[in-house]
């Protein structure tokens, strides 16, 4: 919600990138599927080159995103791309002959030739399959728990919305010593706080409906604060810090559009004209 109501010129390059990618869940799934396919193919000798080609193609796009949209994992993405290219290295000559020289080519390069003993080959295959199955189960468990936590957080709650601090309220200090005067609670695990200079700060939330508590901590784990929340009516919210010296903050709801063209445009296979606004 905070990003949807932010002027484009004030958005950081990385936030602009994540907003663009997050706009289309289908695009995210296609990119994720390509990453998984490349990773699976690269595990086996016969399909390793195909997996390296797919991974290199996908990771080239990721590296470009990271470098030119100021995403902080530049070196990590570059290393993954370099590893995919390293797997292709023994077959670079036939690949060049086929794609550039337009000549007949045969793939022969392997970093590790097949084991001579059948027992060793079977043991290697068992280890690879066991590793693959364990990795899939582990990721399903890890991502499954994260998905269930996220699904539980995107429900309606009284505190959801864009809130501005009333003029007579003290300024809270919850983002690493930086005060903030506006908070956007998009779901029950994440939000954005705006400091007086207009900057947005990502906040992680812990919400308890029964105890009426709302915990806030800035990205990086600094400035953790726990509040008791009250919503006396749909347009007002009161937060009171939990501790020896309680501080009461009063907020009023900031009106937001009922719908956003960015979210309601939908998919169009053919466009008679481009929608620009």
C-alpha atoms as a PDB file:
ATOM      1  CA  UNK A   1       0.000   0.000   0.000  1.00  0.00           C
ATOM      2  CA  UNK A   2       2.837   2.390   0.852  1.00  0.00           C
ATOM      3  CA  UNK A   3       4.542   1.785  -2.497  1.00  0.00           C
ATOM      4  CA  UNK A   4       1.259   2.089  -4.418  1.00  0.00           C
ATOM      5  CA  UNK A   5       0.762   5.557  -2.927  1.00  0.00           C
ATOM      6  CA  UNK A   6       4.379   6.649  -3.380  1.00  0.00           C
ATOM      7  CA  UNK A   7       5.394   8.995  -6.234  1.00  0.00           C
ATOM      8  CA  UNK A   8       7.453   7.002  -8.735  1.00  0.00           C
ATOM      9  CA  UNK A   9      10.329   9.452  -8.543  1.00  0.00           C
ATOM     10  CA  UNK A  10      10.774   8.797  -4.819  1.00  0.00           C
ATOM     11  CA  UNK A  11      10.935   4.994  -5.108  1.00  0.00           C
ATOM     12  CA  UNK A  12      14.343   3.349  -4.840  1.00  0.00           C
ATOM     13  CA  UNK A  13      15.547   1.368  -7.880  1.00  0.00           C
ATOM     14  CA  UNK A  14      15.272  -1.936  -5.991  1.00  0.00           C
ATOM     15  CA  UNK A  15      11.721  -1.226  -4.818  1.00  0.00           C
ATOM     16  CA  UNK A  16      10.791  -0.290  -8.382  1.00  0.00           C
ATOM     17  CA  UNK A  17      12.216  -3.619  -9.573  1.00  0.00           C
ATOM     18  CA  UNK A  18      10.386  -5.703  -6.949  1.00  0.00           C
ATOM     19  CA  UNK A  19       7.154  -3.834  -7.662  1.00  0.00           C
ATOM     20  CA  UNK A  20       7.534  -4.499 -11.383  1.00  0.00           C
ATOM     21  CA  UNK A  21       8.255  -8.204 -10.873  1.00  0.00           C
ATOM     22  CA  UNK A  22       5.558  -8.610  -8.227  1.00  0.00           C
ATOM     23  CA  UNK A  23       2.951  -7.059 -10.521  1.00  0.00           C
ATOM     24  CA  UNK A  24       2.684 -10.315 -12.507  1.00  0.00           C
ATOM     25  CA  UNK A  25       2.596 -13.557 -10.477  1.00  0.00           C
ATOM     26  CA  UNK A  26       2.595 -15.565 -13.732  1.00  0.00           C
ATOM     27  CA  UNK A  27       5.892 -13.966 -14.772  1.00  0.00           C
ATOM     28  CA  UNK A  28       7.329 -14.815 -11.351  1.00  0.00           C
ATOM     29  CA  UNK A  29       6.254 -18.445 -11.716  1.00  0.00           C
ATOM     30  CA  UNK A  30       7.737 -18.751 -15.203  1.00  0.00           C
ATOM     31  CA  UNK A  31      11.079 -17.355 -14.025  1.00  0.00           C
ATOM     32  CA  UNK A  32      11.041 -19.590 -10.953  1.00  0.00           C
ATOM     33  CA  UNK A  33      10.230 -22.648 -13.056  1.00  0.00           C
ATOM     34  CA  UNK A  34      13.139 -21.863 -15.390  1.00  0.00           C
ATOM     35  CA  UNK A  35      15.496 -21.630 -12.402  1.00  0.00           C
ATOM     36  CA  UNK A  36      14.264 -24.971 -11.044  1.00  0.00           C
ATOM     37  CA  UNK A  37      14.541 -26.714 -14.423  1.00  0.00           C
ATOM     38  CA  UNK A  38      18.095 -25.480 -14.917  1.00  0.00           C
ATOM     39  CA  UNK A  39      19.055 -26.566 -11.407  1.00  0.00           C
ATOM     40  CA  UNK A  40      17.576 -30.051 -11.873  1.00  0.00           C
ATOM     41  CA  UNK A  41      19.162 -30.668 -15.271  1.00  0.00           C
ATOM     42  CA  UNK A  42      22.595 -29.618 -14.095  1.00  0.00           C
ATOM     43  CA  UNK A  43      22.652 -32.411 -11.489  1.00  0.00           C
ATOM     44  CA  UNK A  44      23.066 -35.189 -14.049  1.00  0.00           C
ATOM     45  CA  UNK A  45      25.925 -35.731 -16.475  1.00  0.00           C
ATOM     46  CA  UNK A  46      23.801 -36.291 -19.569  1.00  0.00           C
ATOM     47  CA  UNK A  47      21.744 -33.158 -19.038  1.00  0.00           C
ATOM     48  CA  UNK A  48      24.349 -30.987 -17.292  1.00  0.00           C
ATOM     49  CA  UNK A  49      25.093 -28.887 -20.376  1.00  0.00           C
ATOM     50  CA  UNK A  50      21.385 -28.219 -21.004  1.00  0.00           C
ATOM     51  CA  UNK A  51      20.997 -27.250 -17.348  1.00  0.00           C
ATOM     52  CA  UNK A  52      24.028 -24.956 -17.528  1.00  0.00           C
ATOM     53  CA  UNK A  53      22.657 -23.245 -20.659  1.00  0.00           C
ATOM     54  CA  UNK A  54      19.251 -22.684 -19.043  1.00  0.00           C
ATOM     55  CA  UNK A  55      20.816 -21.505 -15.786  1.00  0.00           C
ATOM     56  CA  UNK A  56      23.222 -19.163 -17.568  1.00  0.00           C
ATOM     57  CA  UNK A  57      20.346 -17.658 -19.563  1.00  0.00           C
ATOM     58  CA  UNK A  58      18.224 -17.121 -16.449  1.00  0.00           C
ATOM     59  CA  UNK A  59      21.085 -15.874 -14.277  1.00  0.00           C
ATOM     60  CA  UNK A  60      22.253 -13.386 -16.910  1.00  0.00           C
ATOM     61  CA  UNK A  61      18.894 -11.668 -16.522  1.00  0.00           C
ATOM     62  CA  UNK A  62      19.179 -11.822 -12.718  1.00  0.00           C
ATOM     63  CA  UNK A  63      22.698 -10.355 -12.783  1.00  0.00           C
ATOM     64  CA  UNK A  64      21.530  -7.493 -15.011  1.00  0.00           C
ATOM     65  CA  UNK A  65      18.644  -6.794 -12.650  1.00  0.00           C
ATOM     66  CA  UNK A  66      20.945  -6.802  -9.619  1.00  0.00           C
ATOM     67  CA  UNK A  67      23.601  -4.537 -11.105  1.00  0.00           C
ATOM     68  CA  UNK A  68      21.364  -2.011 -12.793  1.00  0.00           C
ATOM     69  CA  UNK A  69      18.581  -1.838 -10.179  1.00  0.00           C
ATOM     70  CA  UNK A  70      20.998  -1.655  -7.234  1.00  0.00           C
ATOM     71  CA  UNK A  71      20.084  -5.004  -5.647  1.00  0.00           C
ATOM     72  CA  UNK A  72      22.705  -5.831  -2.980  1.00  0.00           C
ATOM     73  CA  UNK A  73      23.317  -9.502  -3.968  1.00  0.00           C
ATOM     74  CA  UNK A  74      25.375  -8.622  -7.043  1.00  0.00           C
ATOM     75  CA  UNK A  75      28.401 -10.815  -6.253  1.00  0.00           C
ATOM     76  CA  UNK A  76      26.267 -13.810  -5.297  1.00  0.00           C
ATOM     77  CA  UNK A  77      24.320 -13.694  -8.567  1.00  0.00           C
ATOM     78  CA  UNK A  78      27.538 -13.189 -10.541  1.00  0.00           C
ATOM     79  CA  UNK A  79      29.078 -16.235  -8.846  1.00  0.00           C
ATOM     80  CA  UNK A  80      26.081 -18.411  -9.766  1.00  0.00           C
ATOM     81  CA  UNK A  81      26.343 -17.234 -13.378  1.00  0.00           C
ATOM     82  CA  UNK A  82      30.093 -17.956 -13.384  1.00  0.00           C
ATOM     83  CA  UNK A  83      29.465 -21.489 -12.070  1.00  0.00           C
ATOM     84  CA  UNK A  84      26.957 -22.164 -14.853  1.00  0.00           C
ATOM     85  CA  UNK A  85      29.479 -20.936 -17.427  1.00  0.00           C
ATOM     86  CA  UNK A  86      32.174 -23.105 -15.823  1.00  0.00           C
ATOM     87  CA  UNK A  87      30.040 -26.224 -16.374  1.00  0.00           C
ATOM     88  CA  UNK A  88      29.757 -25.266 -20.066  1.00  0.00           C
ATOM     89  CA  UNK A  89      33.489 -24.670 -20.455  1.00  0.00           C
ATOM     90  CA  UNK A  90      34.504 -28.160 -21.781  1.00  0.00           C
ATOM     91  CA  UNK A  91      31.885 -27.881 -24.554  1.00  0.00           C
ATOM     92  CA  UNK A  92      32.556 -24.298 -25.592  1.00  0.00           C
ATOM     93  CA  UNK A  93      34.279 -25.347 -28.842  1.00  0.00           C
ATOM     94  CA  UNK A  94      31.392 -27.486 -30.193  1.00  0.00           C
ATOM     95  CA  UNK A  95      28.903 -24.857 -29.007  1.00  0.00           C
ATOM     96  CA  UNK A  96      30.818 -22.212 -30.933  1.00  0.00           C
ATOM     97  CA  UNK A  97      30.983 -24.435 -34.033  1.00  0.00           C
ATOM     98  CA  UNK A  98      27.236 -25.099 -33.893  1.00  0.00           C
ATOM     99  CA  UNK A  99      25.838 -21.677 -33.018  1.00  0.00           C
ATOM    100  CA  UNK A 100      28.418 -19.404 -34.667  1.00  0.00           C
ATOM    101  CA  UNK A 101      30.283 -21.464 -37.228  1.00  0.00           C
ATOM    102  CA  UNK A 102      27.131 -23.212 -38.479  1.00  0.00           C
ATOM    103  CA  UNK A 103      29.105 -26.454 -38.606  1.00  0.00           C
ATOM    104  CA  UNK A 104      28.343 -29.962 -37.493  1.00  0.00           C
ATOM    105  CA  UNK A 105      29.349 -30.353 -33.864  1.00  0.00           C
ATOM    106  CA  UNK A 106      29.372 -33.100 -31.277  1.00  0.00           C
ATOM    107  CA  UNK A 107      29.407 -32.599 -27.552  1.00  0.00           C
ATOM    108  CA  UNK A 108      32.275 -34.458 -25.939  1.00  0.00           C
ATOM    109  CA  UNK A 109      33.439 -32.399 -23.005  1.00  0.00           C
ATOM    110  CA  UNK A 110      32.869 -33.615 -19.450  1.00  0.00           C
ATOM    111  CA  UNK A 111      34.571 -32.444 -16.299  1.00  0.00           C
ATOM    112  CA  UNK A 112      34.170 -35.804 -14.544  1.00  0.00           C
ATOM    113  CA  UNK A 113      34.075 -38.924 -16.768  1.00  0.00           C
ATOM    114  CA  UNK A 114      31.750 -41.801 -15.804  1.00  0.00           C
ATOM    115  CA  UNK A 115      33.162 -44.120 -13.167  1.00  0.00           C
ATOM    116  CA  UNK A 116      34.588 -47.373 -14.477  1.00  0.00           C
ATOM    117  CA  UNK A 117      33.106 -49.537 -11.749  1.00  0.00           C
ATOM    118  CA  UNK A 118      29.379 -50.258 -11.906  1.00  0.00           C
ATOM    119  CA  UNK A 119      29.084 -50.347  -8.114  1.00  0.00           C
ATOM    120  CA  UNK A 120      30.526 -46.859  -7.791  1.00  0.00           C
ATOM    121  CA  UNK A 121      28.144 -45.551 -10.457  1.00  0.00           C
ATOM    122  CA  UNK A 122      25.162 -47.033  -8.624  1.00  0.00           C
ATOM    123  CA  UNK A 123      26.323 -45.580  -5.313  1.00  0.00           C
ATOM    124  CA  UNK A 124      26.760 -42.157  -6.918  1.00  0.00           C
ATOM    125  CA  UNK A 125      23.269 -42.343  -8.431  1.00  0.00           C
ATOM    126  CA  UNK A 126      21.762 -43.289  -5.058  1.00  0.00           C
ATOM    127  CA  UNK A 127      23.535 -40.400  -3.338  1.00  0.00           C
ATOM    128  CA  UNK A 128      22.368 -37.937  -6.015  1.00  0.00           C
ATOM    129  CA  UNK A 129      18.771 -39.130  -5.793  1.00  0.00           C
ATOM    130  CA  UNK A 130      18.816 -39.050  -1.993  1.00  0.00           C
ATOM    131  CA  UNK A 131      20.251 -35.525  -2.054  1.00  0.00           C
ATOM    132  CA  UNK A 132      17.597 -34.392  -4.550  1.00  0.00           C
ATOM    133  CA  UNK A 133      14.733 -35.912  -2.556  1.00  0.00           C
ATOM    134  CA  UNK A 134      16.067 -34.447   0.706  1.00  0.00           C
ATOM    135  CA  UNK A 135      16.486 -31.021  -0.857  1.00  0.00           C
ATOM    136  CA  UNK A 136      12.952 -31.057  -2.272  1.00  0.00           C
ATOM    137  CA  UNK A 137      11.463 -32.131   1.074  1.00  0.00           C
ATOM    138  CA  UNK A 138      13.506 -29.524   2.932  1.00  0.00           C
ATOM    139  CA  UNK A 139      12.525 -26.702   0.621  1.00  0.00           C
ATOM    140  CA  UNK A 140       8.869 -27.742   0.657  1.00  0.00           C
ATOM    141  CA  UNK A 141       8.916 -27.717   4.458  1.00  0.00           C
ATOM    142  CA  UNK A 142      10.763 -24.391   4.681  1.00  0.00           C
ATOM    143  CA  UNK A 143       8.766 -22.597   1.988  1.00  0.00           C
ATOM    144  CA  UNK A 144       5.554 -24.304   3.102  1.00  0.00           C
ATOM    145  CA  UNK A 145       5.891 -22.852   6.596  1.00  0.00           C
ATOM    146  CA  UNK A 146       6.654 -19.423   5.130  1.00  0.00           C
ATOM    147  CA  UNK A 147       3.673 -19.649   2.777  1.00  0.00           C
ATOM    148  CA  UNK A 148       1.273 -20.611   5.580  1.00  0.00           C
ATOM    149  CA  UNK A 149       2.584 -17.746   7.721  1.00  0.00           C
ATOM    150  CA  UNK A 150       2.126 -15.329   4.823  1.00  0.00           C
ATOM    151  CA  UNK A 151      -1.351 -16.674   3.984  1.00  0.00           C
ATOM    152  CA  UNK A 152      -2.385 -16.152   7.602  1.00  0.00           C
ATOM    153  CA  UNK A 153      -1.088 -12.570   7.502  1.00  0.00           C
ATOM    154  CA  UNK A 154      -3.028 -11.347   4.454  1.00  0.00           C
ATOM    155  CA  UNK A 155      -6.405 -11.394   6.156  1.00  0.00           C
ATOM    156  CA  UNK A 156      -8.403  -8.369   7.128  1.00  0.00           C
ATOM    157  CA  UNK A 157      -7.698  -6.801  10.511  1.00  0.00           C
ATOM    158  CA  UNK A 158      -8.598  -3.468  12.142  1.00  0.00           C
ATOM    159  CA  UNK A 159      -5.018  -2.185  11.961  1.00  0.00           C
ATOM    160  CA  UNK A 160      -4.665  -2.749   8.201  1.00  0.00           C
ATOM    161  CA  UNK A 161      -4.373   0.542   6.327  1.00  0.00           C
ATOM    162  CA  UNK A 162      -2.364   3.705   5.871  1.00  0.00           C
ATOM    163  CA  UNK A 163      -2.116   5.716   9.110  1.00  0.00           C
ATOM    164  CA  UNK A 164      -0.730   9.191   9.810  1.00  0.00           C
ATOM    165  CA  UNK A 165       0.355  10.352  13.262  1.00  0.00           C
ATOM    166  CA  UNK A 166      -1.818  13.084  14.766  1.00  0.00           C
ATOM    167  CA  UNK A 167      -0.132  16.458  15.135  1.00  0.00           C
ATOM    168  CA  UNK A 168      -0.353  16.427  18.955  1.00  0.00           C
ATOM    169  CA  UNK A 169       1.225  12.951  19.312  1.00  0.00           C
ATOM    170  CA  UNK A 170       4.886  12.392  20.199  1.00  0.00           C
ATOM    171  CA  UNK A 171       7.098  11.025  17.421  1.00  0.00           C
ATOM    172  CA  UNK A 172       7.823   7.305  17.874  1.00  0.00           C
ATOM    173  CA  UNK A 173      11.404   6.073  17.474  1.00  0.00           C
ATOM    174  CA  UNK A 174      11.280   2.510  16.197  1.00  0.00           C
ATOM    175  CA  UNK A 175      13.473   2.404  13.097  1.00  0.00           C
ATOM    176  CA  UNK A 176      17.022   2.451  14.346  1.00  0.00           C
ATOM    177  CA  UNK A 177      16.686   5.748  16.176  1.00  0.00           C
ATOM    178  CA  UNK A 178      14.926   7.498  13.280  1.00  0.00           C
ATOM    179  CA  UNK A 179      11.477   8.956  14.082  1.00  0.00           C
ATOM    180  CA  UNK A 180       8.505   8.256  11.857  1.00  0.00           C
ATOM    181  CA  UNK A 181       5.162   9.954  11.361  1.00  0.00           C
ATOM    182  CA  UNK A 182       3.276   7.591   9.050  1.00  0.00           C
ATOM    183  CA  UNK A 183       2.885   3.824   8.880  1.00  0.00           C
ATOM    184  CA  UNK A 184       1.407   1.615   6.196  1.00  0.00           C
ATOM    185  CA  UNK A 185       0.294  -1.782   7.494  1.00  0.00           C
ATOM    186  CA  UNK A 186      -0.139  -3.844   4.337  1.00  0.00           C
ATOM    187  CA  UNK A 187      -0.511  -7.220   6.067  1.00  0.00           C
ATOM    188  CA  UNK A 188       0.058  -8.580   9.544  1.00  0.00           C
ATOM    189  CA  UNK A 189       3.760  -9.348   9.089  1.00  0.00           C
ATOM    190  CA  UNK A 190       5.088  -6.393   7.091  1.00  0.00           C
ATOM    191  CA  UNK A 191       4.595  -2.675   6.733  1.00  0.00           C
ATOM    192  CA  UNK A 192       6.366   0.554   5.857  1.00  0.00           C
ATOM    193  CA  UNK A 193       7.064   3.540   8.106  1.00  0.00           C
ATOM    194  CA  UNK A 194       7.774   7.024   6.776  1.00  0.00           C
ATOM    195  CA  UNK A 195      10.276   9.260   8.529  1.00  0.00           C
ATOM    196  CA  UNK A 196       9.806  13.073   8.648  1.00  0.00           C
ATOM    197  CA  UNK A 197      12.184  13.503   5.684  1.00  0.00           C
ATOM    198  CA  UNK A 198       9.817  11.456   3.518  1.00  0.00           C
ATOM    199  CA  UNK A 199      11.826   8.224   3.357  1.00  0.00           C
ATOM    200  CA  UNK A 200      10.119   4.848   3.628  1.00  0.00           C
ATOM    201  CA  UNK A 201      11.501   2.212   6.014  1.00  0.00           C
ATOM    202  CA  UNK A 202      10.520  -1.425   5.859  1.00  0.00           C
ATOM    203  CA  UNK A 203       9.030  -2.744   9.097  1.00  0.00           C
ATOM    204  CA  UNK A 204       8.442  -6.321  10.240  1.00  0.00           C
ATOM    205  CA  UNK A 205       5.346  -6.820  12.358  1.00  0.00           C
ATOM    206  CA  UNK A 206       4.070  -9.356  14.874  1.00  0.00           C
ATOM    207  CA  UNK A 207       0.325  -9.071  15.379  1.00  0.00           C
ATOM    208  CA  UNK A 208      -1.827 -10.689  18.052  1.00  0.00           C
ATOM    209  CA  UNK A 209      -5.560 -10.249  17.674  1.00  0.00           C
ATOM    210  CA  UNK A 210      -6.499 -11.720  21.070  1.00  0.00           C
ATOM    211  CA  UNK A 211      -3.931  -9.831  23.158  1.00  0.00           C
ATOM    212  CA  UNK A 212      -4.300  -6.664  21.071  1.00  0.00           C
ATOM    213  CA  UNK A 213      -0.522  -6.354  20.656  1.00  0.00           C
ATOM    214  CA  UNK A 214       1.482  -5.174  17.665  1.00  0.00           C
ATOM    215  CA  UNK A 215       5.256  -5.573  17.551  1.00  0.00           C
ATOM    216  CA  UNK A 216       7.361  -3.482  15.159  1.00  0.00           C
ATOM    217  CA  UNK A 217      11.005  -3.919  14.240  1.00  0.00           C
ATOM    218  CA  UNK A 218      12.916  -2.291  11.425  1.00  0.00           C
ATOM    219  CA  UNK A 219      14.797  -4.248   8.800  1.00  0.00           C
ATOM    220  CA  UNK A 220      18.063  -5.352  10.356  1.00  0.00           C
ATOM    221  CA  UNK A 221      16.497  -5.987  13.763  1.00  0.00           C
ATOM    222  CA  UNK A 222      16.926  -2.517  15.286  1.00  0.00           C
ATOM    223  CA  UNK A 223      14.395  -0.440  17.168  1.00  0.00           C
ATOM    224  CA  UNK A 224      12.062  -3.246  18.264  1.00  0.00           C
ATOM    225  CA  UNK A 225       8.953  -1.879  20.013  1.00  0.00           C
ATOM    226  CA  UNK A 226       5.781  -3.573  21.227  1.00  0.00           C
ATOM    227  CA  UNK A 227       2.451  -1.756  21.306  1.00  0.00           C
ATOM    228  CA  UNK A 228      -1.018  -2.346  22.628  1.00  0.00           C
ATOM    229  CA  UNK A 229      -3.373  -1.388  19.839  1.00  0.00           C
ATOM    230  CA  UNK A 230      -6.918  -0.043  19.860  1.00  0.00           C
ATOM    231  CA  UNK A 231      -9.146   0.958  16.929  1.00  0.00           C
ATOM    232  CA  UNK A 232     -12.022   2.938  18.457  1.00  0.00           C
ATOM    233  CA  UNK A 233     -13.515   3.496  15.014  1.00  0.00           C
ATOM    234  CA  UNK A 234     -12.672   2.795  11.392  1.00  0.00           C
ATOM    235  CA  UNK A 235     -10.730   6.056  10.988  1.00  0.00           C
ATOM    236  CA  UNK A 236      -8.623   6.139  14.156  1.00  0.00           C
ATOM    237  CA  UNK A 237      -5.980   3.949  15.773  1.00  0.00           C
ATOM    238  CA  UNK A 238      -4.271   4.230  19.156  1.00  0.00           C
ATOM    239  CA  UNK A 239      -0.931   2.562  19.923  1.00  0.00           C
ATOM    240  CA  UNK A 240       0.464   2.454  23.464  1.00  0.00           C
ATOM    241  CA  UNK A 241       3.993   1.233  24.078  1.00  0.00           C
ATOM    242  CA  UNK A 242       4.411  -1.729  26.417  1.00  0.00           C
ATOM    243  CA  UNK A 243       6.928  -0.980  29.164  1.00  0.00           C
ATOM    244  CA  UNK A 244       7.701   1.079  32.257  1.00  0.00           C
ATOM    245  CA  UNK A 245       7.114   4.454  30.579  1.00  0.00           C
ATOM    246  CA  UNK A 246       4.169   3.936  28.242  1.00  0.00           C
ATOM    247  CA  UNK A 247       3.766   6.377  25.371  1.00  0.00           C
ATOM    248  CA  UNK A 248       0.444   6.780  23.591  1.00  0.00           C
ATOM    249  CA  UNK A 249       0.303   7.503  19.873  1.00  0.00           C
ATOM    250  CA  UNK A 250      -2.878   8.468  18.072  1.00  0.00           C
ATOM    251  CA  UNK A 251      -3.305   8.026  14.323  1.00  0.00           C
ATOM    252  CA  UNK A 252      -5.903   8.898  11.742  1.00  0.00           C
ATOM    253  CA  UNK A 253      -6.531   6.874   8.610  1.00  0.00           C
ATOM    254  CA  UNK A 254      -5.251   8.334   5.335  1.00  0.00           C
ATOM    255  CA  UNK A 255      -7.802   7.932   2.524  1.00  0.00           C
ATOM    256  CA  UNK A 256      -6.556   5.717  -0.305  1.00  0.00           C
ATOM    257  CA  UNK A 257      -8.047   4.927  -3.731  1.00  0.00           C
ATOM    258  CA  UNK A 258     -10.585   2.123  -3.846  1.00  0.00           C
ATOM    259  CA  UNK A 259      -8.678   0.544  -6.735  1.00  0.00           C
ATOM    260  CA  UNK A 260      -5.348   0.992  -8.490  1.00  0.00           C
ATOM    261  CA  UNK A 261      -5.044   0.771 -12.298  1.00  0.00           C
ATOM    262  CA  UNK A 262      -1.719  -1.025 -11.796  1.00  0.00           C
ATOM    263  CA  UNK A 263      -3.583  -3.885 -10.107  1.00  0.00           C
ATOM    264  CA  UNK A 264      -6.792  -3.875 -12.147  1.00  0.00           C
ATOM    265  CA  UNK A 265      -5.437  -3.583 -15.697  1.00  0.00           C
ATOM    266  CA  UNK A 266      -5.259  -7.362 -16.167  1.00  0.00           C
ATOM    267  CA  UNK A 267      -3.758  -9.417 -18.987  1.00  0.00           C
ATOM    268  CA  UNK A 268      -4.255  -8.561 -22.665  1.00  0.00           C
ATOM    269  CA  UNK A 269      -2.971 -10.841 -25.411  1.00  0.00           C
ATOM    270  CA  UNK A 270      -3.554  -8.174 -28.066  1.00  0.00           C
ATOM    271  CA  UNK A 271      -3.654  -4.391 -27.490  1.00  0.00           C
ATOM    272  CA  UNK A 272      -5.267  -2.011 -29.946  1.00  0.00           C
ATOM    273  CA  UNK A 273      -3.355   0.812 -28.279  1.00  0.00           C
ATOM    274  CA  UNK A 274      -1.009   1.171 -25.360  1.00  0.00           C
ATOM    275  CA  UNK A 275      -2.410   2.279 -22.008  1.00  0.00           C
ATOM    276  CA  UNK A 276      -0.148   4.987 -20.632  1.00  0.00           C
ATOM    277  CA  UNK A 277      -1.131   7.252 -17.776  1.00  0.00           C
END
